Amino acid sequence: MYFKSFNSIGKTVKTMCAISAILCAMFAIACTSEGMLTNSVFPVTARATECKRFDADFSGSYTAVVISDPHFSSGRERLPEEFYQWLDELPQERKLRLCLVLGDIANHGLSSEYEFYNAFVQEMRGRGMEVYGILGNHDVFESGDFGRNYLSAVEPHAACYSVRTPRLSYYFIDTADDLVGQPQYSALESQMKADSNPKIILSHVPIYAPTSIYYRMKNSVERARLLSLFSRHNVRMFLCGHLHEHHTYDMGTFEEIIVNTSAKGSWGILTVDESAGKFKYENVSSKN
């Protein structure tokens, strides 16, 4: 009786060990060099192989609204009503020209959720703003399509791109995998070398974050290369989200600004004076 029990336990342990070995192997396949899960189906190295350039006619002084992590979904078809009230009460002299969306546009990455976002885009255009967005981790991982729904539904249908005015350039980068990847880095480097404008970078994931490693770019070598690239090519500001909190950090030659989620009634306002080369970010909270 006892021998049978021990034999049964032994088989159970062997089975558990075999399952653990399989899981460890699967985990290793799906890990980066720094031990964090990544996407091997349609990764950033496949999504962001170029940096498309778009020219814009913005000039002089204007204002951009900055929102992050709206997580459009069923039951969250619009931003909080406080956002629209704030827009209505904003003085006309602020000259709203842009709305910048820092990723996690759709909560589950579903095509139906991007319909809510595109309705938002049309509403902002009706208020005189052009809207530009980027991929977030929810746009890539939640639906199992790894960003394809986003690229199909969201203009300008690009994972990495720049919007260039005569005196300022905005660079929208894909960091949804917590990585930039060599193809995207090379595309950014090539375009930035030929672009003498001051630059604002827009990313979902921060370069650094005050909490756990989950909320920042994972590869330390890649972070160092980006800091070097940005310092050499006149980057003045790095706007990002992901953390659902507001923080500002001095990165030496530029500021990293983490924008709180609009789902919590928070967003930002970026005042731009292209003629003077001045940019100012202010955090806005409906809770204040």
Protein backbone atom coordinates (compact mmCIF):
# COMPACT_ATOMS: atom_id res chain seq x y z
CA MET A 1 0.00 0.00 0.00
CA TYR A 2 2.72 2.45 1.01
CA PHE A 3 4.88 1.43 -1.95
CA LYS A 4 1.95 2.12 -4.33
CA SER A 5 1.43 5.57 -2.77
CA PHE A 6 5.09 6.44 -3.11
CA ASN A 7 5.04 5.17 -6.68
CA SER A 8 2.00 7.34 -7.46
CA ILE A 9 3.67 10.38 -5.91
CA GLY A 10 6.78 9.70 -7.93
CA LYS A 11 4.79 9.63 -11.18
CA THR A 12 3.05 12.87 -10.23
CA VAL A 13 6.36 14.57 -9.51
CA LYS A 14 7.80 13.35 -12.82
CA THR A 15 4.74 14.67 -14.67
CA MET A 16 5.02 18.04 -12.93
CA CYS A 17 8.71 18.24 -13.74
CA ALA A 18 8.01 17.46 -17.40
CA ILE A 19 5.32 20.18 -17.58
CA SER A 20 7.66 22.65 -15.88
CA ALA A 21 10.40 21.86 -18.39
CA ILE A 22 8.01 22.48 -21.30
CA LEU A 23 6.81 25.78 -19.81
CA CYS A 24 10.38 26.91 -19.17
CA ALA A 25 11.30 26.13 -22.76
CA MET A 26 8.29 28.08 -24.05
CA PHE A 27 9.18 31.00 -21.77
CA ALA A 28 12.78 31.02 -22.97
CA ILE A 29 11.69 31.14 -26.60
CA ALA A 30 9.47 34.15 -25.88
CA CYS A 31 12.00 36.14 -23.85
CA THR A 32 14.32 38.99 -24.58
CA SER A 33 17.95 39.00 -23.56
CA GLU A 34 16.91 40.66 -20.30
CA GLY A 35 14.38 38.00 -19.40
CA MET A 36 11.06 39.70 -20.20
CA LEU A 37 8.28 38.33 -22.42
CA THR A 38 8.11 39.69 -25.95
CA ASN A 39 6.17 39.11 -29.16
CA SER A 40 7.57 36.67 -31.70
CA VAL A 41 4.51 36.53 -34.01
CA PHE A 42 4.46 40.09 -35.44
CA PRO A 43 7.17 41.87 -33.45
CA VAL A 44 8.31 45.45 -33.65
CA THR A 45 11.14 44.35 -35.95
CA ALA A 46 8.45 43.38 -38.48
CA ARG A 47 5.95 46.18 -37.77
CA ALA A 48 8.38 49.12 -37.75
CA THR A 49 10.87 48.61 -40.56
CA GLU A 50 10.77 52.22 -41.78
CA CYS A 51 9.98 55.71 -40.55
CA LYS A 52 7.47 57.28 -42.92
CA ARG A 53 7.64 61.03 -43.29
CA PHE A 54 4.64 63.36 -43.50
CA ASP A 55 4.93 67.11 -43.98
CA ALA A 56 2.58 69.50 -42.18
CA ASP A 57 1.88 73.21 -42.47
CA PHE A 58 1.76 74.06 -38.76
CA SER A 59 3.67 77.23 -37.98
CA GLY A 60 3.92 80.03 -35.44
CA SER A 61 2.27 79.47 -32.05
CA TYR A 62 -0.32 76.78 -31.39
CA THR A 63 -1.49 74.26 -28.81
CA ALA A 64 -1.55 70.45 -28.86
CA VAL A 65 -3.73 68.33 -26.59
CA VAL A 66 -1.89 65.22 -25.36
CA ILE A 67 -3.81 62.15 -24.20
CA SER A 68 -2.56 58.72 -23.24
CA ASP A 69 -4.05 55.30 -22.60
CA PRO A 70 -7.68 56.10 -23.47
CA HIS A 71 -8.52 52.37 -23.72
CA PHE A 72 -11.55 52.80 -25.98
CA SER A 73 -13.90 49.85 -25.53
CA SER A 74 -17.54 48.90 -25.08
CA GLY A 75 -18.71 51.02 -22.17
CA ARG A 76 -15.85 53.46 -22.77
CA GLU A 77 -16.79 54.75 -26.21
CA ARG A 78 -15.74 58.33 -25.42
CA LEU A 79 -13.27 60.10 -23.20
CA PRO A 80 -14.63 61.37 -19.86
CA GLU A 81 -17.14 64.18 -20.31
CA GLU A 82 -14.83 66.48 -18.32
CA PHE A 83 -12.42 66.40 -21.28
CA TYR A 84 -15.02 67.77 -23.69
CA GLN A 85 -16.13 70.40 -21.16
CA TRP A 86 -12.50 71.47 -20.77
CA LEU A 87 -12.16 71.80 -24.55
CA ASP A 88 -15.31 73.93 -24.69
CA GLU A 89 -13.98 76.26 -21.98
CA LEU A 90 -10.46 76.62 -23.39
CA PRO A 91 -9.77 80.19 -24.58
CA GLN A 92 -9.85 80.52 -28.36
CA GLU A 93 -6.42 82.16 -28.38
CA ARG A 94 -4.89 78.80 -27.45
CA LYS A 95 -5.24 77.82 -31.14
CA LEU A 96 -5.79 74.09 -30.83
CA ARG A 97 -4.10 72.48 -33.84
CA LEU A 98 -3.06 68.99 -32.73
CA CYS A 99 -4.24 66.06 -30.65
CA LEU A 100 -1.48 63.58 -29.81
CA VAL A 101 -2.47 60.09 -28.57
CA LEU A 102 0.25 58.09 -26.81
CA GLY A 103 -0.94 54.51 -27.29
CA ASP A 104 -3.26 51.94 -25.70
CA ILE A 105 -5.92 53.40 -27.93
CA ALA A 106 -8.05 50.24 -27.82
CA ASN A 107 -8.46 48.29 -24.60
CA HIS A 108 -8.49 44.89 -26.33
CA GLY A 109 -7.10 45.80 -29.77
CA LEU A 110 -10.45 45.00 -31.43
CA SER A 111 -11.64 46.47 -34.73
CA SER A 112 -14.85 47.62 -33.06
CA GLU A 113 -12.85 49.59 -30.48
CA TYR A 114 -10.97 51.43 -33.22
CA GLU A 115 -14.35 52.54 -34.57
CA PHE A 116 -14.85 54.40 -31.27
CA TYR A 117 -11.41 55.94 -31.65
CA ASN A 118 -12.02 56.98 -35.25
CA ALA A 119 -15.25 58.67 -34.16
CA PHE A 120 -13.15 60.56 -31.61
CA VAL A 121 -10.70 61.53 -34.38
CA GLN A 122 -13.54 62.94 -36.48
CA GLU A 123 -14.82 64.93 -33.51
CA MET A 124 -11.36 66.42 -32.87
CA ARG A 125 -10.99 67.29 -36.55
CA GLY A 126 -14.34 69.03 -36.31
CA ARG A 127 -12.77 71.18 -33.58
CA GLY A 128 -9.88 72.13 -35.86
CA MET A 129 -7.30 69.58 -34.69
CA GLU A 130 -5.35 66.98 -36.61
CA VAL A 131 -4.92 63.74 -34.65
CA TYR A 132 -1.83 61.51 -34.58
CA GLY A 133 -1.49 58.34 -32.52
CA ILE A 134 0.86 55.46 -31.78
CA LEU A 135 0.67 51.82 -30.79
CA GLY A 136 0.51 50.73 -27.15
CA ASN A 137 0.86 47.29 -25.61
CA HIS A 138 -2.95 46.84 -25.47
CA ASP A 139 -3.11 47.56 -29.21
CA VAL A 140 -0.58 44.80 -29.85
CA PHE A 141 -1.11 42.01 -27.33
CA GLU A 142 -4.73 41.96 -26.15
CA SER A 143 -6.55 40.67 -29.26
CA GLY A 144 -3.90 38.26 -30.48
CA ASP A 145 -3.50 40.14 -33.78
CA PHE A 146 -0.27 41.86 -32.62
CA GLY A 147 -1.12 45.31 -33.95
CA ARG A 148 -2.62 44.41 -37.31
CA ASN A 149 -6.07 45.80 -36.40
CA TYR A 150 -4.44 49.08 -35.39
CA LEU A 151 -2.40 49.38 -38.58
CA SER A 152 -5.48 48.64 -40.66
CA ALA A 153 -7.84 51.03 -38.84
CA VAL A 154 -5.76 53.96 -37.58
CA GLU A 155 -4.33 56.67 -39.83
CA PRO A 156 -1.65 57.12 -41.07
CA HIS A 157 -1.44 53.30 -41.02
CA ALA A 158 2.17 53.25 -39.87
CA ALA A 159 3.94 51.96 -36.76
CA CYS A 160 6.75 54.53 -36.97
CA TYR A 161 6.51 57.90 -38.69
CA SER A 162 7.42 61.55 -38.47
CA VAL A 163 5.37 64.70 -38.97
CA ARG A 164 7.64 67.54 -40.04
CA THR A 165 6.90 71.25 -40.14
CA PRO A 166 9.40 73.85 -41.42
CA ARG A 167 10.75 74.38 -37.87
CA LEU A 168 9.76 71.35 -35.75
CA SER A 169 9.59 67.58 -36.19
CA TYR A 170 7.41 65.09 -34.31
CA TYR A 171 8.61 61.47 -34.29
CA PHE A 172 6.07 58.74 -33.44
CA ILE A 173 7.82 55.50 -32.48
CA ASP A 174 6.58 51.96 -31.84
CA THR A 175 7.57 50.81 -28.34
CA ALA A 176 4.58 48.54 -27.71
CA ASP A 177 6.88 45.51 -27.31
CA ASP A 178 8.95 47.50 -24.74
CA LEU A 179 11.61 47.51 -27.46
CA VAL A 180 12.50 49.64 -30.49
CA GLY A 181 14.31 47.00 -32.55
CA GLN A 182 17.23 47.48 -34.93
CA PRO A 183 15.20 48.20 -38.12
CA GLN A 184 13.27 51.01 -36.44
CA TYR A 185 16.39 52.39 -34.73
CA SER A 186 18.25 52.49 -38.06
CA ALA A 187 15.29 54.22 -39.76
CA LEU A 188 15.12 56.82 -36.98
CA GLU A 189 18.86 57.41 -37.07
CA SER A 190 18.88 57.86 -40.83
CA GLN A 191 15.99 60.32 -40.84
CA MET A 192 17.20 62.30 -37.82
CA LYS A 193 20.65 62.80 -39.36
CA ALA A 194 19.01 64.59 -42.28
CA ASP A 195 16.66 66.61 -40.06
CA SER A 196 18.08 69.67 -38.29
CA ASN A 197 14.76 70.65 -36.69
CA PRO A 198 14.18 70.51 -32.94
CA LYS A 199 12.35 67.26 -32.25
CA ILE A 200 9.60 65.90 -30.00
CA ILE A 201 9.45 62.11 -29.62
CA LEU A 202 6.15 60.36 -28.92
CA SER A 203 6.24 56.85 -27.45
CA HIS A 204 3.93 54.63 -25.46
CA VAL A 205 6.58 53.15 -23.16
CA PRO A 206 8.95 55.39 -21.14
CA ILE A 207 12.71 55.14 -21.48
CA TYR A 208 12.80 55.08 -17.69
CA ALA A 209 10.00 54.86 -15.13
CA PRO A 210 9.89 55.30 -11.35
CA THR A 211 8.31 51.93 -10.62
CA SER A 212 9.02 48.37 -11.77
CA ILE A 213 10.87 47.34 -14.93
CA TYR A 214 7.50 46.42 -16.48
CA TYR A 215 6.78 50.09 -17.18
CA ARG A 216 9.93 50.99 -19.11
CA MET A 217 11.88 49.88 -22.16
CA LYS A 218 13.46 46.56 -21.31
CA ASN A 219 16.79 46.50 -23.11
CA SER A 220 19.42 48.59 -21.29
CA VAL A 221 21.71 48.76 -24.34
CA GLU A 222 18.86 50.00 -26.50
CA ARG A 223 17.95 52.65 -23.91
CA ALA A 224 21.55 53.90 -23.92
CA ARG A 225 21.62 54.04 -27.73
CA LEU A 226 18.37 56.03 -27.81
CA LEU A 227 19.68 58.53 -25.26
CA SER A 228 22.79 59.00 -27.37
CA LEU A 229 20.77 59.35 -30.58
CA PHE A 230 18.41 61.90 -29.04
CA SER A 231 21.23 63.95 -27.52
CA ARG A 232 23.01 64.16 -30.89
CA HIS A 233 19.98 65.17 -32.94
CA ASN A 234 18.29 68.00 -31.06
CA VAL A 235 15.51 66.09 -29.30
CA ARG A 236 13.84 68.51 -26.89
CA MET A 237 11.03 66.46 -25.38
CA PHE A 238 10.01 62.79 -25.01
CA LEU A 239 6.27 62.29 -24.39
CA CYS A 240 5.08 58.84 -23.28
CA GLY A 241 2.38 57.04 -21.29
CA HIS A 242 1.83 53.43 -20.15
CA LEU A 243 2.29 54.11 -16.43
CA HIS A 244 -1.15 55.70 -15.80
CA GLU A 245 0.60 58.35 -13.70
CA HIS A 246 2.14 61.75 -14.41
CA HIS A 247 5.91 62.20 -13.97
CA THR A 248 8.58 64.46 -15.45
CA TYR A 249 12.30 63.66 -15.63
CA ASP A 250 15.33 65.66 -16.71
CA MET A 251 17.26 63.46 -19.14
CA GLY A 252 20.06 65.97 -19.64
CA THR A 253 19.41 67.29 -23.14
CA PHE A 254 15.65 66.74 -23.06
CA GLU A 255 12.70 66.06 -20.73
CA GLU A 256 10.89 62.74 -20.45
CA ILE A 257 7.24 63.45 -19.62
CA ILE A 258 4.98 60.55 -18.65
CA VAL A 259 1.34 61.47 -19.32
CA ASN A 260 -1.41 60.11 -17.08
CA THR A 261 -4.26 58.09 -18.57
CA SER A 262 -7.24 60.05 -19.87
CA ALA A 263 -9.44 57.34 -18.35
CA LYS A 264 -8.58 58.90 -14.97
CA GLY A 265 -9.62 62.35 -16.15
CA SER A 266 -6.09 63.54 -16.88
CA TRP A 267 -4.36 64.77 -20.03
CA GLY A 268 -1.75 67.28 -21.12
CA ILE A 269 -1.47 70.50 -23.05
CA LEU A 270 1.59 71.28 -25.13
CA THR A 271 2.16 74.93 -26.04
CA VAL A 272 4.39 75.36 -29.09
CA ASP A 273 6.04 78.49 -30.43
CA GLU A 274 7.86 77.25 -33.51
CA SER A 275 9.24 80.67 -34.42
CA ALA A 276 10.97 81.00 -31.04
CA GLY A 277 11.76 77.29 -30.73
CA LYS A 278 9.94 77.07 -27.38
CA PHE A 279 7.79 74.22 -26.06
CA LYS A 280 5.95 73.95 -22.75
CA TYR A 281 4.01 71.01 -21.35
CA GLU A 282 1.33 71.35 -18.67
CA ASN A 283 -0.50 68.53 -16.91
CA VAL A 284 -4.29 68.89 -16.73
CA SER A 285 -6.49 67.01 -14.27
CA SER A 286 -10.25 67.22 -13.99
CA LYS A 287 -9.87 66.19 -10.32
CA ASN A 288 -8.20 69.50 -9.36
